[in-house]
N, C-alpha and C. Protein backbone atom coordinates (compact mmCIF):
# COMPACT_ATOMS: atom_id res chain seq x y z
N MET A 1 11.25 26.89 2.66
CA MET A 1 9.76 25.76 2.75
C MET A 1 10.78 24.71 3.05
N THR A 2 9.75 24.04 3.93
CA THR A 2 10.14 22.71 4.65
C THR A 2 10.78 21.60 3.37
N SER A 3 12.07 20.64 4.08
CA SER A 3 12.00 19.67 3.00
C SER A 3 11.23 18.53 3.35
N ALA A 4 11.18 17.64 2.25
CA ALA A 4 10.76 16.50 2.16
C ALA A 4 11.41 15.69 3.12
N VAL A 5 12.41 16.02 3.56
CA VAL A 5 13.04 14.85 4.48
C VAL A 5 13.07 15.54 6.10
N GLU A 6 12.70 16.85 6.13
CA GLU A 6 12.27 17.25 7.51
C GLU A 6 10.78 16.66 7.65
N GLN A 7 10.01 16.79 6.83
CA GLN A 7 8.23 16.73 6.90
C GLN A 7 8.38 15.27 6.76
N LEU A 8 9.45 14.12 6.19
CA LEU A 8 9.49 13.10 6.96
C LEU A 8 9.93 12.60 8.07
N LEU A 9 10.93 13.48 8.65
CA LEU A 9 10.90 12.89 9.91
C LEU A 9 9.61 13.43 10.90
N ALA A 10 8.79 14.44 10.30
CA ALA A 10 7.80 14.75 11.48
C ALA A 10 6.91 13.93 11.10
N VAL A 11 6.53 13.00 10.22
CA VAL A 11 5.89 11.74 9.90
C VAL A 11 6.26 10.91 10.80
N LYS A 12 7.56 10.57 10.91
CA LYS A 12 8.05 9.41 11.72
C LYS A 12 7.60 9.50 12.64
N ALA A 13 8.05 10.56 13.29
CA ALA A 13 7.47 11.10 14.86
C ALA A 13 5.84 11.14 15.49
N SER A 14 5.31 11.58 14.44
CA SER A 14 4.07 11.56 14.50
C SER A 14 3.54 9.85 14.40
N ILE A 15 4.19 9.14 14.09
CA ILE A 15 3.60 7.53 13.92
C ILE A 15 4.06 7.00 15.07
N ALA A 16 5.21 6.90 15.42
CA ALA A 16 5.79 7.09 16.85
C ALA A 16 5.21 7.21 18.05
N ASN A 17 4.61 8.65 17.44
CA ASN A 17 3.68 8.88 18.70
C ASN A 17 2.45 8.13 19.33
N ALA A 18 1.46 8.14 17.53
CA ALA A 18 0.53 7.44 17.88
C ALA A 18 0.66 5.91 18.18
N GLU A 19 1.65 5.32 17.82
CA GLU A 19 2.12 4.08 18.17
C GLU A 19 1.92 3.94 19.77
N SER A 20 2.35 4.74 20.62
CA SER A 20 2.50 4.87 22.05
C SER A 20 1.15 4.99 22.32
N GLU A 21 0.71 6.60 22.11
CA GLU A 21 -0.88 6.39 22.52
C GLU A 21 -1.86 5.31 22.22
N THR A 22 -2.01 4.76 21.39
CA THR A 22 -2.93 3.68 21.29
C THR A 22 -2.08 2.31 21.65
N GLY A 23 -0.93 2.00 22.52
CA GLY A 23 -1.19 0.96 22.90
C GLY A 23 -0.01 0.07 21.88
N ARG A 24 0.33 0.95 20.77
CA ARG A 24 0.96 -0.05 19.89
C ARG A 24 2.19 -0.41 20.14
N GLU A 25 2.88 -1.71 19.55
CA GLU A 25 4.48 -1.93 20.37
C GLU A 25 5.22 -0.41 19.06
N PRO A 26 6.26 -0.07 19.64
CA PRO A 26 6.79 0.53 18.89
C PRO A 26 7.66 -0.04 17.50
N GLY A 27 7.54 0.82 16.62
CA GLY A 27 7.67 -0.18 14.87
C GLY A 27 6.70 -1.00 13.91
N ALA A 28 5.45 -0.91 14.93
CA ALA A 28 4.74 -1.68 14.46
C ALA A 28 3.85 -1.22 13.27
N VAL A 29 4.03 -0.16 12.99
CA VAL A 29 3.38 0.29 11.88
C VAL A 29 4.77 0.96 10.59
N THR A 30 4.51 0.23 9.64
CA THR A 30 5.08 1.10 8.34
C THR A 30 4.93 2.03 8.03
N LEU A 31 5.72 2.88 7.43
CA LEU A 31 5.18 4.44 6.33
C LEU A 31 5.48 3.65 4.99
N VAL A 32 5.01 3.55 4.38
CA VAL A 32 5.21 3.55 3.20
C VAL A 32 4.84 5.27 2.53
N ALA A 33 5.99 5.71 2.14
CA ALA A 33 6.10 7.22 1.53
C ALA A 33 5.43 6.80 -0.48
N VAL A 34 4.64 8.00 -0.52
CA VAL A 34 3.91 7.71 -1.65
C VAL A 34 4.59 8.57 -2.43
N SER A 35 5.39 8.21 -3.19
CA SER A 35 6.22 9.20 -4.29
C SER A 35 5.80 9.31 -5.87
N LYS A 36 4.32 9.18 -6.09
CA LYS A 36 3.98 8.96 -7.26
C LYS A 36 3.71 10.59 -7.56
N THR A 37 4.23 10.78 -8.98
CA THR A 37 4.23 12.44 -9.97
C THR A 37 5.36 12.95 -9.29
N PHE A 38 6.42 12.21 -8.28
CA PHE A 38 7.67 13.33 -7.87
C PHE A 38 8.69 12.80 -8.57
N PRO A 39 9.47 13.18 -9.49
CA PRO A 39 11.07 12.84 -10.08
C PRO A 39 11.75 12.23 -9.00
N ALA A 40 12.94 11.54 -9.22
CA ALA A 40 13.77 10.92 -8.73
C ALA A 40 14.84 11.56 -7.82
N GLU A 41 14.98 12.99 -8.27
CA GLU A 41 15.92 13.69 -7.74
C GLU A 41 15.34 14.20 -6.69
N ILE A 42 13.91 14.40 -6.41
CA ILE A 42 12.75 14.23 -5.00
C ILE A 42 12.87 13.30 -3.85
N ILE A 43 12.81 12.11 -4.53
CA ILE A 43 12.90 11.04 -3.56
C ILE A 43 14.31 10.58 -3.12
N GLN A 44 15.63 11.08 -3.73
CA GLN A 44 16.68 10.62 -3.45
C GLN A 44 17.07 11.17 -2.12
N PRO A 45 16.88 12.27 -1.50
CA PRO A 45 17.24 12.70 -0.37
C PRO A 45 16.23 11.57 0.75
N VAL A 46 14.80 11.54 0.67
CA VAL A 46 14.44 11.23 1.06
C VAL A 46 14.67 9.41 1.74
N LEU A 47 15.49 8.59 0.69
CA LEU A 47 16.35 7.08 0.44
C LEU A 47 17.13 7.95 1.32
N GLN A 48 18.48 8.75 0.97
CA GLN A 48 19.54 8.75 1.88
C GLN A 48 19.24 8.81 3.16
N ALA A 49 18.28 9.75 4.01
CA ALA A 49 17.96 9.76 4.83
C ALA A 49 17.30 8.72 5.95
N GLY A 50 16.90 7.36 4.96
CA GLY A 50 16.74 6.10 5.67
C GLY A 50 15.27 5.42 5.44
N GLN A 51 14.46 6.23 4.60
CA GLN A 51 13.43 5.40 4.22
C GLN A 51 13.25 4.56 3.37
N ARG A 52 13.11 3.42 3.30
CA ARG A 52 13.10 2.66 1.93
C ARG A 52 11.76 1.73 1.74
N VAL A 53 10.82 2.46 2.03
CA VAL A 53 9.38 1.82 1.45
C VAL A 53 8.76 2.78 1.11
N PHE A 54 8.55 2.64 -0.22
CA PHE A 54 7.58 3.68 -1.29
C PHE A 54 6.33 3.17 -1.93
N GLY A 55 5.80 3.96 -2.03
CA GLY A 55 4.27 3.52 -2.91
C GLY A 55 4.50 4.14 -4.65
N GLU A 56 3.87 3.42 -5.31
CA GLU A 56 3.71 4.26 -6.88
C GLU A 56 2.54 3.91 -7.44
N ASN A 57 1.65 4.85 -8.39
CA ASN A 57 0.40 4.23 -8.80
C ASN A 57 0.31 4.12 -9.78
N ARG A 58 1.56 4.21 -10.68
CA ARG A 58 1.32 3.44 -12.01
C ARG A 58 2.31 3.18 -12.31
N VAL A 59 1.95 1.65 -13.01
CA VAL A 59 3.55 1.35 -13.49
C VAL A 59 4.27 1.98 -14.17
N GLN A 60 3.74 2.46 -15.54
CA GLN A 60 4.66 3.08 -16.22
C GLN A 60 5.62 3.81 -15.80
N GLU A 61 4.98 4.95 -14.54
CA GLU A 61 5.55 5.93 -14.45
C GLU A 61 7.13 5.15 -13.22
N ALA A 62 6.20 4.41 -12.79
CA ALA A 62 7.54 3.81 -11.66
C ALA A 62 8.67 2.88 -12.65
N GLN A 63 8.16 2.70 -13.56
CA GLN A 63 9.32 2.01 -14.73
C GLN A 63 10.39 3.03 -14.79
N GLY A 64 10.09 4.24 -15.15
CA GLY A 64 10.55 5.14 -15.48
C GLY A 64 11.77 5.84 -14.31
N LYS A 65 11.85 5.37 -12.61
CA LYS A 65 12.34 6.05 -12.11
C LYS A 65 13.00 4.79 -10.87
N TRP A 66 12.33 4.39 -11.02
CA TRP A 66 13.02 2.83 -9.91
C TRP A 66 13.92 2.14 -9.70
N PRO A 67 14.23 1.69 -11.51
CA PRO A 67 14.83 0.79 -11.38
C PRO A 67 16.53 1.34 -11.24
N ALA A 68 17.11 2.84 -11.71
CA ALA A 68 18.10 3.52 -11.51
C ALA A 68 17.86 3.59 -9.81
N LEU A 69 17.34 3.98 -9.28
CA LEU A 69 16.72 4.24 -7.88
C LEU A 69 17.43 2.88 -6.65
N ARG A 70 16.97 1.87 -7.39
CA ARG A 70 17.35 0.55 -6.85
C ARG A 70 18.19 -0.02 -6.77
N GLU A 71 18.96 0.57 -8.10
CA GLU A 71 20.49 0.20 -8.25
C GLU A 71 21.78 0.75 -7.38
N ALA A 72 20.93 2.03 -6.76
CA ALA A 72 21.76 2.99 -5.87
C ALA A 72 21.19 2.27 -4.10
N PHE A 73 20.14 2.09 -4.12
CA PHE A 73 19.29 1.40 -2.95
C PHE A 73 19.18 0.07 -3.24
N PRO A 74 19.48 -1.39 -2.75
CA PRO A 74 18.80 -2.27 -3.56
C PRO A 74 18.02 -2.74 -2.28
N ASP A 75 17.62 -2.14 -1.34
CA ASP A 75 17.18 -3.13 0.06
C ASP A 75 15.73 -2.09 -0.11
N LEU A 76 15.60 -1.57 -0.85
CA LEU A 76 13.98 -0.55 -0.71
C LEU A 76 13.05 -1.39 -0.99
N GLU A 77 11.85 -1.20 -0.85
CA GLU A 77 10.82 -1.94 -1.27
C GLU A 77 9.71 -1.16 -1.51
N LEU A 78 9.28 -1.46 -3.28
CA LEU A 78 8.26 -0.84 -3.41
C LEU A 78 6.98 -1.30 -3.83
N HIS A 79 5.87 -0.46 -3.26
CA HIS A 79 4.44 -1.35 -2.86
C HIS A 79 3.96 -0.66 -4.42
N LEU A 80 2.67 -1.37 -5.17
CA LEU A 80 1.64 -0.56 -5.95
C LEU A 80 0.96 -0.48 -5.64
N ILE A 81 0.55 0.77 -5.32
CA ILE A 81 -0.81 1.02 -4.85
C ILE A 81 -2.14 1.66 -5.79
N GLY A 82 -1.95 1.73 -6.76
CA GLY A 82 -3.11 1.87 -7.41
C GLY A 82 -3.37 1.15 -8.40
N PRO A 83 -4.68 1.16 -8.93
CA PRO A 83 -4.88 -0.09 -9.53
C PRO A 83 -4.37 -0.61 -10.71
N LEU A 84 -4.11 -1.99 -10.68
CA LEU A 84 -3.76 -2.87 -11.91
C LEU A 84 -4.51 -3.37 -13.21
N GLN A 85 -4.18 -3.26 -14.55
CA GLN A 85 -4.80 -3.79 -15.45
C GLN A 85 -3.65 -4.94 -15.63
N SER A 86 -4.31 -6.05 -15.72
CA SER A 86 -3.98 -7.39 -16.15
C SER A 86 -3.04 -7.37 -17.44
N ASN A 87 -3.17 -6.31 -18.32
CA ASN A 87 -1.97 -6.66 -19.30
C ASN A 87 -0.71 -5.54 -18.64
N LYS A 88 -0.67 -5.11 -17.55
CA LYS A 88 0.46 -4.98 -16.89
C LYS A 88 0.88 -5.98 -15.91
N ALA A 89 0.57 -7.00 -15.97
CA ALA A 89 0.85 -7.92 -14.66
C ALA A 89 2.03 -8.12 -15.06
N LYS A 90 3.02 -8.51 -15.96
CA LYS A 90 4.12 -8.96 -16.08
C LYS A 90 5.18 -7.98 -15.61
N GLU A 91 4.88 -6.60 -15.86
CA GLU A 91 5.61 -5.69 -15.66
C GLU A 91 5.84 -5.48 -14.27
N ALA A 92 4.45 -5.35 -13.51
CA ALA A 92 4.42 -4.74 -12.38
C ALA A 92 5.01 -5.96 -11.11
N VAL A 93 4.59 -7.55 -11.76
CA VAL A 93 5.45 -8.94 -11.16
C VAL A 93 6.97 -8.15 -11.12
N ALA A 94 7.42 -7.83 -12.08
CA ALA A 94 8.86 -7.86 -12.65
C ALA A 94 9.49 -6.79 -11.53
N LEU A 95 8.46 -5.46 -11.02
CA LEU A 95 9.38 -3.94 -10.92
C LEU A 95 8.73 -3.91 -9.29
N PHE A 96 7.63 -4.17 -8.86
CA PHE A 96 7.27 -4.39 -7.68
C PHE A 96 7.71 -5.11 -6.70
N ASP A 97 7.69 -5.15 -5.55
CA ASP A 97 7.92 -6.10 -4.10
C ASP A 97 6.36 -6.33 -3.54
N VAL A 98 5.33 -5.64 -3.38
CA VAL A 98 4.14 -5.63 -2.92
C VAL A 98 3.18 -5.15 -3.61
N ILE A 99 1.79 -5.81 -3.66
CA ILE A 99 1.01 -5.37 -5.11
C ILE A 99 -0.23 -5.52 -4.08
N GLU A 100 -0.89 -3.71 -3.89
CA GLU A 100 -1.79 -3.60 -2.78
C GLU A 100 -3.30 -3.66 -3.19
N THR A 101 -3.31 -4.00 -4.54
CA THR A 101 -4.42 -3.51 -5.41
C THR A 101 -5.20 -4.84 -6.22
N VAL A 102 -4.79 -6.07 -5.68
CA VAL A 102 -5.78 -7.31 -6.01
C VAL A 102 -7.28 -7.08 -5.69
N ASP A 103 -8.13 -6.71 -6.88
CA ASP A 103 -9.23 -6.78 -6.69
C ASP A 103 -10.55 -7.18 -7.36
N ARG A 104 -9.75 -8.27 -8.30
CA ARG A 104 -10.96 -9.28 -8.93
C ARG A 104 -10.24 -10.62 -9.66
N GLU A 105 -10.64 -11.47 -9.96
CA GLU A 105 -10.30 -12.88 -10.55
C GLU A 105 -9.42 -12.56 -11.49
N LYS A 106 -9.87 -11.90 -12.26
CA LYS A 106 -8.37 -12.04 -13.80
C LYS A 106 -6.98 -11.20 -13.06
N ILE A 107 -6.96 -10.49 -12.50
CA ILE A 107 -5.83 -10.36 -11.66
C ILE A 107 -5.04 -11.10 -11.03
N ALA A 108 -5.75 -11.66 -10.08
CA ALA A 108 -5.15 -12.64 -9.10
C ALA A 108 -4.99 -13.65 -9.85
N ALA A 109 -5.77 -13.88 -11.17
CA ALA A 109 -5.30 -15.07 -12.00
C ALA A 109 -3.76 -14.72 -12.69
N GLU A 110 -3.49 -13.74 -13.36
CA GLU A 110 -2.47 -12.89 -14.23
C GLU A 110 -1.38 -12.79 -13.32
N LEU A 111 -1.50 -12.52 -11.97
CA LEU A 111 -0.55 -12.33 -10.87
C LEU A 111 -0.05 -14.04 -10.54
N ALA A 112 -0.94 -14.62 -10.21
CA ALA A 112 -0.34 -16.30 -10.21
C ALA A 112 0.89 -16.53 -11.05
N LYS A 113 0.40 -16.42 -12.58
CA LYS A 113 0.91 -16.69 -13.80
C LYS A 113 2.18 -15.81 -13.80
N GLU A 114 2.26 -14.96 -13.78
CA GLU A 114 3.54 -14.04 -13.98
C GLU A 114 4.53 -14.34 -12.64
N MET A 115 4.05 -14.44 -11.50
CA MET A 115 5.22 -15.05 -10.23
C MET A 115 5.79 -16.12 -10.59
N ALA A 116 4.50 -16.97 -11.19
CA ALA A 116 5.44 -18.41 -11.52
C ALA A 116 6.33 -18.59 -12.68
N ARG A 117 6.01 -17.76 -13.56
CA ARG A 117 7.14 -17.43 -14.69
C ARG A 117 8.04 -16.72 -14.54
N GLN A 118 8.31 -15.64 -13.81
CA GLN A 118 9.56 -15.05 -13.12
C GLN A 118 9.88 -15.91 -11.87
N GLY A 119 9.76 -16.69 -11.57
CA GLY A 119 10.31 -17.20 -10.27
C GLY A 119 10.33 -15.96 -9.30
N ARG A 120 9.28 -14.96 -8.97
CA ARG A 120 9.35 -14.27 -7.80
C ARG A 120 8.00 -14.38 -7.14
N SER A 121 8.12 -14.19 -5.82
CA SER A 121 7.13 -14.02 -4.89
C SER A 121 6.86 -13.05 -4.33
N LEU A 122 5.70 -12.21 -4.51
CA LEU A 122 5.55 -10.65 -4.29
C LEU A 122 4.53 -11.14 -2.99
N LYS A 123 4.30 -9.91 -2.00
CA LYS A 123 3.43 -10.53 -0.87
C LYS A 123 1.93 -9.17 -1.66
N LEU A 124 0.95 -9.49 -1.40
CA LEU A 124 -0.20 -9.26 -1.67
C LEU A 124 -1.15 -8.73 -0.99
N TYR A 125 -1.66 -7.88 -1.27
CA TYR A 125 -3.14 -7.19 -0.38
C TYR A 125 -3.94 -7.31 -1.20
N VAL A 126 -5.75 -7.57 -1.00
CA VAL A 126 -6.99 -7.58 -1.65
C VAL A 126 -7.43 -6.24 -0.89
N GLN A 127 -7.48 -5.42 -2.17
CA GLN A 127 -8.38 -4.05 -2.03
C GLN A 127 -9.60 -3.99 -1.92
N VAL A 128 -10.31 -3.31 -0.66
CA VAL A 128 -11.48 -3.69 -0.46
C VAL A 128 -12.26 -1.85 -0.83
N ASN A 129 -13.05 -2.06 -1.51
CA ASN A 129 -14.17 -0.41 -1.79
C ASN A 129 -14.53 -0.52 -0.33
N THR A 130 -14.97 0.34 0.54
CA THR A 130 -15.37 -0.08 2.32
C THR A 130 -16.41 0.97 1.71
N GLY A 131 -16.27 1.87 1.01
CA GLY A 131 -17.48 2.93 0.92
C GLY A 131 -18.83 2.70 -0.29
N SER A 132 -18.21 1.33 -0.98
CA SER A 132 -18.83 0.91 -2.13
C SER A 132 -19.37 2.40 -3.09
N GLU A 133 -17.67 2.80 -3.47
CA GLU A 133 -18.20 3.87 -4.55
C GLU A 133 -18.00 3.09 -5.80
N PRO A 134 -18.76 3.67 -6.90
CA PRO A 134 -18.80 3.49 -7.96
C PRO A 134 -17.26 3.59 -8.31
N GLN A 135 -16.64 4.38 -8.42
CA GLN A 135 -15.48 5.20 -9.79
C GLN A 135 -14.58 4.54 -8.57
N LYS A 136 -14.66 3.86 -7.67
CA LYS A 136 -13.25 3.33 -7.25
C LYS A 136 -12.96 2.38 -7.00
N ALA A 137 -11.78 1.94 -7.06
CA ALA A 137 -11.55 -0.08 -7.39
C ALA A 137 -11.72 -0.20 -6.39
N GLY A 138 -11.52 -2.02 -6.14
CA GLY A 138 -11.76 -2.44 -4.91
C GLY A 138 -13.03 -3.05 -4.94
N ILE A 139 -13.09 -4.69 -4.34
CA ILE A 139 -13.68 -5.43 -4.14
C ILE A 139 -15.10 -5.05 -3.08
N GLU A 140 -16.28 -5.26 -3.23
CA GLU A 140 -17.14 -4.91 -1.92
C GLU A 140 -17.09 -5.84 -1.14
N PRO A 141 -17.36 -4.91 0.48
CA PRO A 141 -16.82 -5.50 1.44
C PRO A 141 -17.45 -6.78 1.86
N ARG A 142 -18.83 -7.11 1.32
CA ARG A 142 -19.42 -8.55 1.34
C ARG A 142 -19.05 -9.69 0.69
N GLY A 143 -18.32 -9.29 -0.54
CA GLY A 143 -17.70 -10.42 -0.94
C GLY A 143 -15.81 -10.67 -0.90
N ALA A 144 -15.10 -9.90 0.03
CA ALA A 144 -14.04 -9.80 0.63
C ALA A 144 -13.39 -10.76 1.22
N VAL A 145 -14.41 -11.26 2.31
CA VAL A 145 -13.68 -12.27 3.15
C VAL A 145 -13.60 -13.60 1.61
N ALA A 146 -14.63 -14.44 1.07
CA ALA A 146 -14.68 -15.32 0.17
C ALA A 146 -13.49 -15.38 -1.18
N PHE A 147 -13.12 -13.53 -1.21
CA PHE A 147 -12.34 -13.59 -2.29
C PHE A 147 -10.62 -13.99 -2.22
N VAL A 148 -10.83 -13.54 -0.86
CA VAL A 148 -9.14 -14.17 -0.21
C VAL A 148 -8.93 -15.25 -0.36
N SER A 149 -10.14 -16.43 0.23
CA SER A 149 -10.27 -17.74 -0.29
C SER A 149 -9.94 -18.58 -1.40
N ARG A 150 -10.56 -17.14 -2.46
CA ARG A 150 -10.48 -17.80 -3.84
C ARG A 150 -8.96 -17.74 -4.14
N CYS A 151 -8.69 -16.51 -4.03
CA CYS A 151 -7.07 -16.60 -4.05
C CYS A 151 -5.86 -17.37 -3.86
N ARG A 152 -6.55 -17.57 -2.57
CA ARG A 152 -5.37 -18.99 -1.69
C ARG A 152 -5.76 -20.42 -2.54
N ASP A 153 -6.64 -20.30 -2.53
CA ASP A 153 -7.41 -21.89 -2.93
C ASP A 153 -7.49 -22.30 -4.53
N VAL A 154 -7.80 -20.84 -5.28
CA VAL A 154 -7.76 -21.34 -6.85
C VAL A 154 -6.60 -20.79 -7.40
N HIS A 155 -6.18 -19.64 -7.13
CA HIS A 155 -4.86 -19.00 -7.31
C HIS A 155 -3.59 -19.36 -7.00
N GLY A 156 -3.56 -20.14 -5.68
CA GLY A 156 -2.49 -20.59 -5.08
C GLY A 156 -1.66 -18.96 -4.82
N LEU A 157 -2.40 -18.01 -4.37
CA LEU A 157 -1.76 -16.69 -3.83
C LEU A 157 -1.67 -17.05 -2.34
N ALA A 158 -1.03 -16.12 -1.49
CA ALA A 158 -0.73 -15.76 -0.79
C ALA A 158 -0.95 -14.35 0.17
N ILE A 159 -2.05 -13.75 0.19
CA ILE A 159 -2.47 -12.72 0.48
C ILE A 159 -2.51 -12.35 1.85
N GLU A 160 -1.40 -11.67 1.89
CA GLU A 160 -0.84 -10.99 3.33
C GLU A 160 -1.88 -9.87 4.16
N GLY A 161 -2.47 -9.85 3.34
CA GLY A 161 -3.63 -8.24 4.08
C GLY A 161 -4.24 -8.05 2.87
N LEU A 162 -5.04 -6.85 3.60
CA LEU A 162 -6.17 -6.02 2.72
C LEU A 162 -6.08 -4.46 3.28
N MET A 163 -6.90 -3.74 1.90
CA MET A 163 -5.97 -2.63 1.70
C MET A 163 -7.27 -1.47 1.54
N CYS A 164 -7.19 -0.33 2.20
CA CYS A 164 -8.90 -0.01 1.59
C CYS A 164 -8.16 2.08 1.64
N ILE A 165 -9.37 2.65 0.91
CA ILE A 165 -9.13 4.22 0.92
C ILE A 165 -10.80 4.16 0.91
N PRO A 166 -11.18 4.99 2.28
CA PRO A 166 -11.95 5.47 2.52
C PRO A 166 -12.67 6.81 1.43
N PRO A 167 -14.08 6.68 1.35
CA PRO A 167 -14.43 8.21 0.86
C PRO A 167 -14.00 9.41 1.39
N ALA A 168 -13.20 10.19 0.30
CA ALA A 168 -13.06 11.46 1.06
C ALA A 168 -14.15 12.17 2.10
N ASP A 169 -14.90 12.19 1.60
CA ASP A 169 -16.11 13.20 2.45
C ASP A 169 -16.42 12.57 3.90
N GLU A 170 -16.12 11.46 4.10
CA GLU A 170 -16.89 10.68 5.54
C GLU A 170 -16.20 10.56 6.03
N ASN A 171 -16.11 10.10 7.91
CA ASN A 171 -15.45 10.11 8.55
C ASN A 171 -14.53 8.62 8.19
N PRO A 172 -13.27 8.21 8.56
CA PRO A 172 -12.32 7.23 7.84
C PRO A 172 -12.57 5.76 9.31
N GLY A 173 -13.27 6.54 10.11
CA GLY A 173 -12.82 5.29 10.99
C GLY A 173 -14.00 3.82 10.87
N PRO A 174 -15.20 4.21 10.61
CA PRO A 174 -15.56 3.15 10.37
C PRO A 174 -15.42 2.63 9.15
N HIS A 175 -15.10 2.81 8.59
CA HIS A 175 -14.31 2.05 7.13
C HIS A 175 -12.92 1.28 7.73
N PHE A 176 -11.92 1.79 8.37
CA PHE A 176 -10.87 1.54 9.18
C PHE A 176 -11.34 0.12 9.89
N ALA A 177 -12.55 0.49 10.84
CA ALA A 177 -13.00 -0.54 11.84
C ALA A 177 -13.40 -1.98 10.68
N LEU A 178 -13.96 -1.42 9.95
CA LEU A 178 -14.76 -2.70 8.75
C LEU A 178 -13.24 -3.19 8.16
N LEU A 179 -12.75 -2.45 7.60
CA LEU A 179 -11.41 -3.43 7.24
C LEU A 179 -10.46 -4.25 8.19
N GLU A 180 -10.78 -3.78 9.67
CA GLU A 180 -10.03 -4.60 10.32
C GLU A 180 -11.03 -5.84 10.54
N LYS A 181 -12.57 -5.56 10.43
CA LYS A 181 -12.92 -7.20 11.03
C LYS A 181 -13.01 -8.09 9.72
N LEU A 182 -13.12 -7.03 8.58
CA LEU A 182 -12.94 -8.11 7.52
C LEU A 182 -11.26 -9.26 7.46
N ALA A 183 -10.47 -8.43 8.06
CA ALA A 183 -9.11 -9.11 7.78
C ALA A 183 -9.14 -9.87 8.85
N ARG A 184 -9.89 -10.08 10.24
CA ARG A 184 -9.66 -11.39 11.39
C ARG A 184 -10.93 -12.12 10.52
N GLU A 185 -11.84 -12.28 9.72
CA GLU A 185 -12.37 -12.98 9.06
C GLU A 185 -11.46 -13.62 7.83
N ALA A 186 -11.31 -13.25 7.24
CA ALA A 186 -10.06 -13.42 6.41
C ALA A 186 -9.14 -14.32 6.83
N GLY A 187 -8.62 -14.05 7.53
CA GLY A 187 -7.47 -14.75 8.39
C GLY A 187 -6.13 -14.11 7.91
N VAL A 188 -5.88 -12.79 7.95
CA VAL A 188 -4.88 -11.74 7.48
C VAL A 188 -4.54 -10.89 8.57
N ALA A 189 -3.01 -11.30 8.15
CA ALA A 189 -2.37 -10.50 9.59
C ALA A 189 -2.00 -8.48 9.04
N LYS A 190 -2.61 -8.45 7.94
CA LYS A 190 -2.02 -6.80 7.81
C LYS A 190 -3.08 -5.82 6.84
N LEU A 191 -2.93 -4.62 7.37
CA LEU A 191 -3.75 -3.66 7.01
C LEU A 191 -3.44 -2.44 6.39
N SER A 192 -3.31 -2.27 5.20
CA SER A 192 -2.75 -0.87 5.07
C SER A 192 -4.00 -0.36 4.89
N MET A 193 -3.91 1.17 5.25
CA MET A 193 -5.04 1.80 5.67
C MET A 193 -4.15 3.61 6.10
N GLY A 194 -5.02 4.24 5.86
CA GLY A 194 -4.80 5.71 5.92
C GLY A 194 -3.45 6.11 5.22
N MET A 195 -3.92 7.75 4.86
CA MET A 195 -3.00 8.04 3.98
C MET A 195 -2.71 10.00 4.89
N SER A 196 -2.25 10.86 4.59
CA SER A 196 -1.80 11.78 4.83
C SER A 196 -2.83 12.40 6.02
N GLY A 197 -4.02 12.46 5.89
CA GLY A 197 -4.88 13.57 6.43
C GLY A 197 -5.66 12.73 7.56
N ASP A 198 -5.43 11.26 7.63
CA ASP A 198 -5.87 10.22 8.42
C ASP A 198 -5.45 8.87 9.13
N TYR A 199 -3.54 9.46 8.80
CA TYR A 199 -3.30 8.08 9.21
C TYR A 199 -3.08 7.84 10.89
N GLU A 200 -3.48 9.11 11.67
CA GLU A 200 -2.98 8.45 13.02
C GLU A 200 -4.28 7.58 13.15
N THR A 201 -5.73 8.57 12.80
CA THR A 201 -7.00 7.21 13.04
C THR A 201 -6.65 5.92 12.69
N ALA A 202 -6.09 5.60 11.34
CA ALA A 202 -5.86 4.71 11.12
C ALA A 202 -4.70 3.71 12.22
N ILE A 203 -4.07 4.05 12.87
CA ILE A 203 -2.99 3.47 13.81
C ILE A 203 -4.13 3.24 14.73
N ALA A 204 -5.20 3.82 14.90
CA ALA A 204 -5.63 3.77 16.43
C ALA A 204 -6.77 2.47 15.82
N PHE A 205 -6.77 2.24 14.82
CA PHE A 205 -7.54 1.19 14.36
C PHE A 205 -7.40 -0.13 13.94
N GLY A 206 -5.73 0.10 14.22
CA GLY A 206 -5.05 -1.08 13.73
C GLY A 206 -4.17 -1.56 12.33
N ALA A 207 -4.10 -0.28 12.21
CA ALA A 207 -3.19 -0.07 10.74
C ALA A 207 -1.72 -0.64 10.73
N THR A 208 -1.66 -1.28 10.08
CA THR A 208 0.29 -2.28 9.79
C THR A 208 1.25 -1.47 9.28
N SER A 209 0.57 -0.29 8.16
CA SER A 209 1.46 0.28 7.31
C SER A 209 0.24 1.13 7.02
N VAL A 210 0.84 2.70 6.67
CA VAL A 210 -0.11 3.73 6.35
C VAL A 210 0.86 3.93 5.30
N ARG A 211 0.04 4.96 4.23
CA ARG A 211 0.20 5.16 2.80
C ARG A 211 0.19 6.76 2.70
N VAL A 212 1.72 7.52 3.30
CA VAL A 212 1.80 9.03 3.20
C VAL A 212 2.48 9.71 2.07
N GLY A 213 2.13 10.57 1.21
CA GLY A 213 2.33 11.06 0.29
C GLY A 213 2.77 12.60 0.50
N THR A 214 1.32 13.40 0.42
CA THR A 214 1.54 14.89 0.49
C THR A 214 2.11 15.55 2.18
N ALA A 215 2.48 15.01 3.15
CA ALA A 215 2.62 14.92 4.08
C ALA A 215 4.12 14.99 4.49
N ILE A 216 4.77 14.10 3.11
CA ILE A 216 6.14 14.17 3.06
C ILE A 216 6.82 14.85 2.13
N PHE A 217 6.11 14.83 0.61
CA PHE A 217 6.75 15.41 -0.37
C PHE A 217 6.21 16.93 -0.56
N GLY A 218 4.76 16.79 -0.01
CA GLY A 218 3.72 18.27 -0.44
C GLY A 218 3.16 18.18 -1.09
N GLY A 219 2.60 19.12 -1.75
CA GLY A 219 1.26 18.76 -3.03
C GLY A 219 1.66 18.60 -4.32
N ARG A 220 0.83 18.10 -4.87
CA ARG A 220 1.11 17.22 -6.21
C ARG A 220 0.96 18.44 -7.36
N PRO A 221 1.94 18.56 -8.31
CA PRO A 221 1.40 19.42 -9.43
C PRO A 221 0.43 19.48 -9.87
C-alpha cells in the first residue's frame, strides 16, 4: 500500500508540474493537506516529511489532536475549512491560524470580537457558494463582493482571499473562473480552490492554495 508520505510527494510533484505548465511561478501554490478524520499517528509522518499546512473540518476534532502536534512542530499552519458555528468562534480563534469559511455577518462579528479579545490576528477567507447549492455553506456569488467590504468596513477584518467548493457533479472550471473574477472585484489576492480530483484545473485558473486530502491520506473511513 502506498504510504501517505509517498502520496504527499506525488501530489507536490503534480502541483509543481501544473505550476510549470500554466506559467505560474514555482511555489506559487500552497498545498493544504486535509487531515480531517485522520488520527495524529497518520498525520505525524507527513509532518516529518516537511508538510506544514493542514486543513480540518471540525473545531472539536482538531482540538483533540493538534495542540500536541503543534508542540512538536511549532511552525505548522492550521486551516479551518469546514463550516464554523458562532458558538465555536472562541475555540476556533485559539486553535487555528487561518479560517477559510467566513460566510455570514454573525461569524464575521464573532471572529472580530474573539481576535480582539485573544490578541490573535488570523488570516481569513470568505467562502462563496459558487453553485448556489442550498445544502452547502457559503455566501451567494452576487453578494460576495459587498460582504467582503462589510467584513472590512463594519467588522475591521482583513479578508485575505476567497474559497469555494464547486458542485460535485459539475465541471469545476467555470466555478473557479467565477471565484477568480469575484476576488479581483473584491480586491483580494488569495484563492483557495481545488481538491483531490480537480486541483490541477484549479491551478490553471489561478488557485493560490489547494486543499488535498484523499490523494494524500487515502479514502476516509
